[in-house]
């Protein structure tokens, strides 16, 4: 009887919690794991936004660099860090899944102002990895 990998179970539970699922079921044909998750209280952020004339913004909007697939984030040769200037097409990360590593090219150019993931962290398709100021 083949057992389930504890790392796979841990990852499945983390993703399920993050996505707000109430139940998780993982199986490999011979073994099965099922868990019901307790809802986690979500903190509500209150923010005040000053009214500004339409179309008039004091700062340019931040542009996201998003994961192009599900997998584990790894920094590229030059890791993403605040203050780094990236150009369109620069390889900014590597997303590894099922033993395959795929380069993630920057779709935008500008200065990185926020990095939202750490080395080895699991990422979802479309998840914002960094914010760039054009």
Protein backbone atom coordinates (compact mmCIF):
# COMPACT_ATOMS: atom_id res chain seq x y z
CA UNK A 1 0.00 0.00 0.00
CA UNK A 2 1.53 3.33 -1.10
CA UNK A 3 1.34 6.16 1.38
CA UNK A 4 0.69 9.81 0.64
CA UNK A 5 3.62 12.21 0.77
CA UNK A 6 3.30 14.50 3.83
CA UNK A 7 4.61 17.47 1.80
CA UNK A 8 1.82 17.00 -0.75
CA UNK A 9 -0.75 16.90 2.05
CA UNK A 10 0.71 20.01 3.70
CA UNK A 11 0.67 21.88 0.39
CA UNK A 12 -2.92 20.79 -0.35
CA UNK A 13 -4.07 22.01 3.08
CA UNK A 14 -2.27 25.36 2.69
CA UNK A 15 -3.80 25.97 -0.72
CA UNK A 16 -7.26 24.94 0.49
CA UNK A 17 -7.07 27.31 3.46
CA UNK A 18 -5.80 30.17 1.30
CA UNK A 19 -8.57 29.64 -1.25
CA UNK A 20 -11.28 29.28 1.41
CA UNK A 21 -12.24 25.64 0.79
CA UNK A 22 -14.17 23.82 3.51
CA UNK A 23 -12.99 20.31 2.61
CA UNK A 24 -9.89 18.67 1.11
CA UNK A 25 -9.61 15.22 -0.43
CA UNK A 26 -6.31 13.81 -1.73
CA UNK A 27 -5.74 10.31 -3.04
CA UNK A 28 -3.21 8.30 -5.04
CA UNK A 29 -5.27 5.27 -5.98
CA UNK A 30 -4.44 3.19 -2.91
CA UNK A 31 -4.46 5.72 -0.07
CA UNK A 32 -6.88 8.52 0.58
CA UNK A 33 -6.79 11.57 2.86
CA UNK A 34 -9.83 13.69 3.67
CA UNK A 35 -10.04 16.72 5.95
CA UNK A 36 -12.69 19.28 6.87
CA UNK A 37 -11.27 22.73 7.53
CA UNK A 38 -12.51 25.16 10.12
CA UNK A 39 -13.28 28.59 8.70
CA UNK A 40 -10.63 31.14 9.57
CA UNK A 41 -11.76 34.60 10.58
CA UNK A 42 -10.76 37.12 7.95
CA UNK A 43 -9.56 40.46 9.15
CA UNK A 44 -11.31 43.39 7.60
CA UNK A 45 -9.07 46.22 6.55
CA UNK A 46 -10.53 49.67 6.71
CA UNK A 47 -8.91 52.24 4.55
CA UNK A 48 -9.62 55.84 3.81
CA UNK A 49 -9.13 57.08 0.30
CA UNK A 50 -8.97 60.79 -0.37
CA UNK A 51 -11.24 61.86 -3.18
CA UNK A 52 -9.39 63.07 -6.24
CA UNK A 53 -10.67 64.36 -9.55
CA UNK A 54 -11.45 61.62 -12.05
CA UNK A 55 -8.44 60.62 -14.09
CA UNK A 56 -6.06 62.57 -11.86
CA UNK A 57 -3.76 60.28 -9.91
CA UNK A 58 -0.82 61.48 -7.86
CA UNK A 59 1.04 58.18 -8.37
CA UNK A 60 1.14 55.87 -11.36
CA UNK A 61 -0.72 52.60 -10.87
CA UNK A 62 1.41 49.62 -9.92
CA UNK A 63 1.72 46.85 -12.48
CA UNK A 64 1.71 43.20 -11.33
CA UNK A 65 4.04 40.39 -12.27
CA UNK A 66 1.87 37.26 -12.04
CA UNK A 67 2.65 33.54 -11.92
CA UNK A 68 2.17 31.91 -15.31
CA UNK A 69 1.44 28.48 -13.81
CA UNK A 70 0.94 26.58 -10.56
CA UNK A 71 4.15 25.46 -8.86
CA UNK A 72 6.92 26.57 -6.55
CA UNK A 73 8.53 29.99 -6.88
CA UNK A 74 12.30 30.14 -7.33
CA UNK A 75 14.27 33.32 -8.00
CA UNK A 76 15.95 33.63 -11.39
CA UNK A 77 19.67 34.45 -11.76
CA UNK A 78 18.97 37.93 -10.39
CA UNK A 79 16.32 37.57 -7.63
CA UNK A 80 13.36 39.92 -7.47
CA UNK A 81 13.98 42.52 -4.81
CA UNK A 82 12.67 45.97 -4.02
CA UNK A 83 14.48 48.60 -6.06
CA UNK A 84 15.42 46.24 -8.92
CA UNK A 85 14.71 47.65 -12.38
CA UNK A 86 13.15 45.11 -14.73
CA UNK A 87 12.56 45.31 -18.47
CA UNK A 88 9.85 43.64 -20.48
CA UNK A 89 11.02 40.09 -21.29
CA UNK A 90 13.56 39.81 -18.43
CA UNK A 91 13.47 36.40 -16.72
CA UNK A 92 12.45 37.36 -13.18
CA UNK A 93 11.60 33.96 -11.69
CA UNK A 94 11.40 30.24 -12.27
CA UNK A 95 8.21 28.33 -11.47
CA UNK A 96 8.87 24.63 -10.81
CA UNK A 97 6.16 21.99 -11.03
CA UNK A 98 6.36 18.21 -11.45
CA UNK A 99 10.11 18.38 -11.92
CA UNK A 100 9.90 20.93 -14.73
CA UNK A 101 11.23 24.46 -14.34
CA UNK A 102 9.68 27.21 -16.47
CA UNK A 103 11.05 30.73 -16.77
CA UNK A 104 8.74 33.62 -15.95
CA UNK A 105 9.40 36.69 -18.07
CA UNK A 106 8.38 40.14 -16.91
CA UNK A 107 5.38 41.43 -18.86
CA UNK A 108 6.14 44.97 -17.68
CA UNK A 109 9.07 47.30 -17.19
CA UNK A 110 9.85 49.52 -14.26
CA UNK A 111 11.08 49.39 -10.68
CA UNK A 112 10.06 46.58 -8.31
CA UNK A 113 8.38 48.17 -5.28
CA UNK A 114 7.01 45.05 -3.57
CA UNK A 115 7.85 41.33 -3.64
CA UNK A 116 5.01 39.16 -2.37
CA UNK A 117 6.56 35.66 -2.40
CA UNK A 118 9.61 33.94 -0.93
CA UNK A 119 11.93 31.31 -2.39
CA UNK A 120 10.28 27.87 -2.39
CA UNK A 121 6.79 29.17 -1.69
CA UNK A 122 3.91 27.51 -3.58
CA UNK A 123 2.15 29.81 -6.06
CA UNK A 124 -1.11 29.62 -7.99
CA UNK A 125 -1.77 30.54 -11.60
CA UNK A 126 -2.35 34.29 -11.81
CA UNK A 127 -1.05 34.96 -8.28
CA UNK A 128 0.69 38.33 -8.03
CA UNK A 129 4.37 37.75 -7.25
CA UNK A 130 5.59 41.35 -7.34
CA UNK A 131 4.39 44.90 -7.96
CA UNK A 132 6.25 47.17 -10.39
CA UNK A 133 6.12 50.97 -10.65
CA UNK A 134 6.33 51.93 -14.35
